[in-house]
Amino acid sequence: MNIIRSKDFTASRAWGALPVANMRGITTRLHWTDQPYKWHVNDGEEVFAVLDGRVEMRYRDGGGQCSTVLEAGDIFFAGEGCEHLAVPLGVARVLVVEAEGSV
């Protein structure tokens, strides 16, 4: 058993991660960040849950770029092939569930 207090987690660099679990090739990691990630497409699907802070999620849908602000408690699902970019608005802590080894 393990209890993680997400608000206490920090990392030495943006998008630093604390591994939470690996369940048959599906990883769950807690990320701390204060900087944008990069435009990318995951190797499979991804669940992105904001635990603390705010994150602007930009994604490309049908040839156009869209954007939405995720608040603490909000979840973003990136289906296979969904190009996206996470931009924290200040410090954020995010729980990411994805295939092991995904970008």
C-alpha atoms as a PDB file:
ATOM      1  CA  MET A   1       0.000   0.000   0.000  1.00  0.00           C
ATOM      2  CA  ASN A   2       1.174   3.507  -0.735  1.00  0.00           C
ATOM      3  CA  ILE A   3      -0.381   6.903  -0.039  1.00  0.00           C
ATOM      4  CA  ILE A   4       0.822   9.851  -2.077  1.00  0.00           C
ATOM      5  CA  ARG A   5       0.013  13.436  -1.129  1.00  0.00           C
ATOM      6  CA  SER A   6       0.111  15.002  -4.596  1.00  0.00           C
ATOM      7  CA  LYS A   7       0.303  18.584  -3.288  1.00  0.00           C
ATOM      8  CA  ASP A   8       3.582  17.701  -1.544  1.00  0.00           C
ATOM      9  CA  PHE A   9       5.246  16.365  -4.708  1.00  0.00           C
ATOM     10  CA  THR A  10       7.809  18.515  -6.505  1.00  0.00           C
ATOM     11  CA  ALA A  11      10.453  17.665  -9.061  1.00  0.00           C
ATOM     12  CA  SER A  12      13.846  19.107  -9.948  1.00  0.00           C
ATOM     13  CA  ARG A  13      12.702  19.789 -13.529  1.00  0.00           C
ATOM     14  CA  ALA A  14       9.486  20.437 -15.420  1.00  0.00           C
ATOM     15  CA  TRP A  15       7.499  17.251 -16.096  1.00  0.00           C
ATOM     16  CA  GLY A  16       9.510  15.338 -13.516  1.00  0.00           C
ATOM     17  CA  ALA A  17       7.574  12.215 -12.603  1.00  0.00           C
ATOM     18  CA  LEU A  18       6.882  10.030  -9.609  1.00  0.00           C
ATOM     19  CA  PRO A  19       5.941   6.487 -10.697  1.00  0.00           C
ATOM     20  CA  VAL A  20       2.719   5.442  -8.975  1.00  0.00           C
ATOM     21  CA  ALA A  21       1.941   2.070 -10.578  1.00  0.00           C
ATOM     22  CA  ASN A  22       2.557  -0.170 -13.563  1.00  0.00           C
ATOM     23  CA  MET A  23      -0.382  -2.471 -14.163  1.00  0.00           C
ATOM     24  CA  ARG A  24       0.278  -4.916 -16.989  1.00  0.00           C
ATOM     25  CA  GLY A  25       2.025  -2.344 -19.157  1.00  0.00           C
ATOM     26  CA  ILE A  26      -0.169   0.632 -18.248  1.00  0.00           C
ATOM     27  CA  THR A  27       1.728   3.225 -16.221  1.00  0.00           C
ATOM     28  CA  THR A  28       0.374   5.795 -13.825  1.00  0.00           C
ATOM     29  CA  ARG A  29       2.696   8.669 -12.968  1.00  0.00           C
ATOM     30  CA  LEU A  30       2.357  11.885 -11.020  1.00  0.00           C
ATOM     31  CA  HIS A  31       4.002  14.817 -12.820  1.00  0.00           C
ATOM     32  CA  TRP A  32       5.023  18.202 -11.442  1.00  0.00           C
ATOM     33  CA  THR A  33       5.518  21.046 -13.902  1.00  0.00           C
ATOM     34  CA  ASP A  34       5.675  24.772 -14.362  1.00  0.00           C
ATOM     35  CA  GLN A  35       6.612  24.694 -18.063  1.00  0.00           C
ATOM     36  CA  PRO A  36       4.844  23.553 -21.244  1.00  0.00           C
ATOM     37  CA  TYR A  37       5.530  20.087 -22.604  1.00  0.00           C
ATOM     38  CA  LYS A  38       5.773  19.784 -26.393  1.00  0.00           C
ATOM     39  CA  TRP A  39       3.372  18.992 -29.202  1.00  0.00           C
ATOM     40  CA  HIS A  40       3.204  15.194 -29.344  1.00  0.00           C
ATOM     41  CA  VAL A  41       1.137  12.134 -30.124  1.00  0.00           C
ATOM     42  CA  ASN A  42       1.263   9.313 -27.582  1.00  0.00           C
ATOM     43  CA  ASP A  43       1.870   5.703 -28.487  1.00  0.00           C
ATOM     44  CA  GLY A  44      -1.754   4.825 -27.755  1.00  0.00           C
ATOM     45  CA  GLU A  45      -4.350   6.475 -25.558  1.00  0.00           C
ATOM     46  CA  GLU A  46      -3.689   8.743 -22.580  1.00  0.00           C
ATOM     47  CA  VAL A  47      -5.682   9.906 -19.565  1.00  0.00           C
ATOM     48  CA  PHE A  48      -4.501  13.255 -18.172  1.00  0.00           C
ATOM     49  CA  ALA A  49      -6.017  14.329 -14.815  1.00  0.00           C
ATOM     50  CA  VAL A  50      -5.184  17.700 -13.242  1.00  0.00           C
ATOM     51  CA  LEU A  51      -4.827  17.228  -9.492  1.00  0.00           C
ATOM     52  CA  ASP A  52      -3.522  20.664  -8.574  1.00  0.00           C
ATOM     53  CA  GLY A  53      -3.219  23.921 -10.514  1.00  0.00           C
ATOM     54  CA  ARG A  54      -4.515  24.765 -13.977  1.00  0.00           C
ATOM     55  CA  VAL A  55      -3.393  23.510 -17.382  1.00  0.00           C
ATOM     56  CA  GLU A  56      -4.278  24.850 -20.815  1.00  0.00           C
ATOM     57  CA  MET A  57      -4.628  21.813 -23.066  1.00  0.00           C
ATOM     58  CA  ARG A  58      -4.137  22.546 -26.741  1.00  0.00           C
ATOM     59  CA  TYR A  59      -5.030  19.879 -29.272  1.00  0.00           C
ATOM     60  CA  ARG A  60      -5.492  19.521 -32.984  1.00  0.00           C
ATOM     61  CA  ASP A  61      -8.883  18.289 -34.094  1.00  0.00           C
ATOM     62  CA  GLY A  62      -9.955  17.931 -37.715  1.00  0.00           C
ATOM     63  CA  GLY A  63      -7.221  20.173 -39.055  1.00  0.00           C
ATOM     64  CA  GLY A  64      -7.762  23.012 -36.571  1.00  0.00           C
ATOM     65  CA  GLN A  65      -6.234  23.841 -33.227  1.00  0.00           C
ATOM     66  CA  CYS A  66      -8.460  23.868 -30.141  1.00  0.00           C
ATOM     67  CA  SER A  67      -7.762  24.885 -26.562  1.00  0.00           C
ATOM     68  CA  THR A  68      -9.411  24.415 -23.195  1.00  0.00           C
ATOM     69  CA  VAL A  69      -8.344  25.193 -19.631  1.00  0.00           C
ATOM     70  CA  LEU A  70      -8.384  22.247 -17.265  1.00  0.00           C
ATOM     71  CA  GLU A  71      -8.951  23.007 -13.587  1.00  0.00           C
ATOM     72  CA  ALA A  72      -8.067  20.756 -10.646  1.00  0.00           C
ATOM     73  CA  GLY A  73     -10.321  17.723 -10.905  1.00  0.00           C
ATOM     74  CA  ASP A  74     -10.678  17.906 -14.709  1.00  0.00           C
ATOM     75  CA  ILE A  75      -9.674  15.000 -16.953  1.00  0.00           C
ATOM     76  CA  PHE A  76      -8.514  15.073 -20.583  1.00  0.00           C
ATOM     77  CA  PHE A  77      -8.618  11.890 -22.680  1.00  0.00           C
ATOM     78  CA  ALA A  78      -6.297  11.832 -25.685  1.00  0.00           C
ATOM     79  CA  GLY A  79      -7.406   9.100 -28.051  1.00  0.00           C
ATOM     80  CA  GLU A  80      -4.946   7.347 -30.318  1.00  0.00           C
ATOM     81  CA  GLY A  81      -3.497   9.833 -32.802  1.00  0.00           C
ATOM     82  CA  CYS A  82      -4.597  12.955 -30.883  1.00  0.00           C
ATOM     83  CA  GLU A  83      -1.838  15.570 -31.128  1.00  0.00           C
ATOM     84  CA  HIS A  84      -1.750  17.715 -28.000  1.00  0.00           C
ATOM     85  CA  LEU A  85       0.285  20.140 -25.899  1.00  0.00           C
ATOM     86  CA  ALA A  86      -0.072  20.782 -22.160  1.00  0.00           C
ATOM     87  CA  VAL A  87       0.701  24.313 -20.953  1.00  0.00           C
ATOM     88  CA  PRO A  88       0.549  24.778 -17.162  1.00  0.00           C
ATOM     89  CA  LEU A  89      -0.747  28.141 -15.956  1.00  0.00           C
ATOM     90  CA  GLY A  90       1.643  28.345 -13.016  1.00  0.00           C
ATOM     91  CA  VAL A  91       2.606  25.210 -11.095  1.00  0.00           C
ATOM     92  CA  ALA A  92       0.544  22.094 -11.773  1.00  0.00           C
ATOM     93  CA  ARG A  93       0.462  18.485 -10.680  1.00  0.00           C
ATOM     94  CA  VAL A  94      -0.958  16.029 -13.166  1.00  0.00           C
ATOM     95  CA  LEU A  95      -1.716  12.318 -13.016  1.00  0.00           C
ATOM     96  CA  VAL A  96      -1.011  10.606 -16.352  1.00  0.00           C
ATOM     97  CA  VAL A  97      -2.150   7.092 -17.267  1.00  0.00           C
ATOM     98  CA  GLU A  98      -0.699   5.681 -20.500  1.00  0.00           C
ATOM     99  CA  ALA A  99       0.998   2.700 -22.117  1.00  0.00           C
ATOM    100  CA  GLU A 100       4.440   1.968 -20.714  1.00  0.00           C
ATOM    101  CA  GLY A 101       7.156   3.700 -22.737  1.00  0.00           C
ATOM    102  CA  SER A 102       4.752   6.151 -24.379  1.00  0.00           C
ATOM    103  CA  VAL A 103       6.051   9.581 -25.391  1.00  0.00           C
END
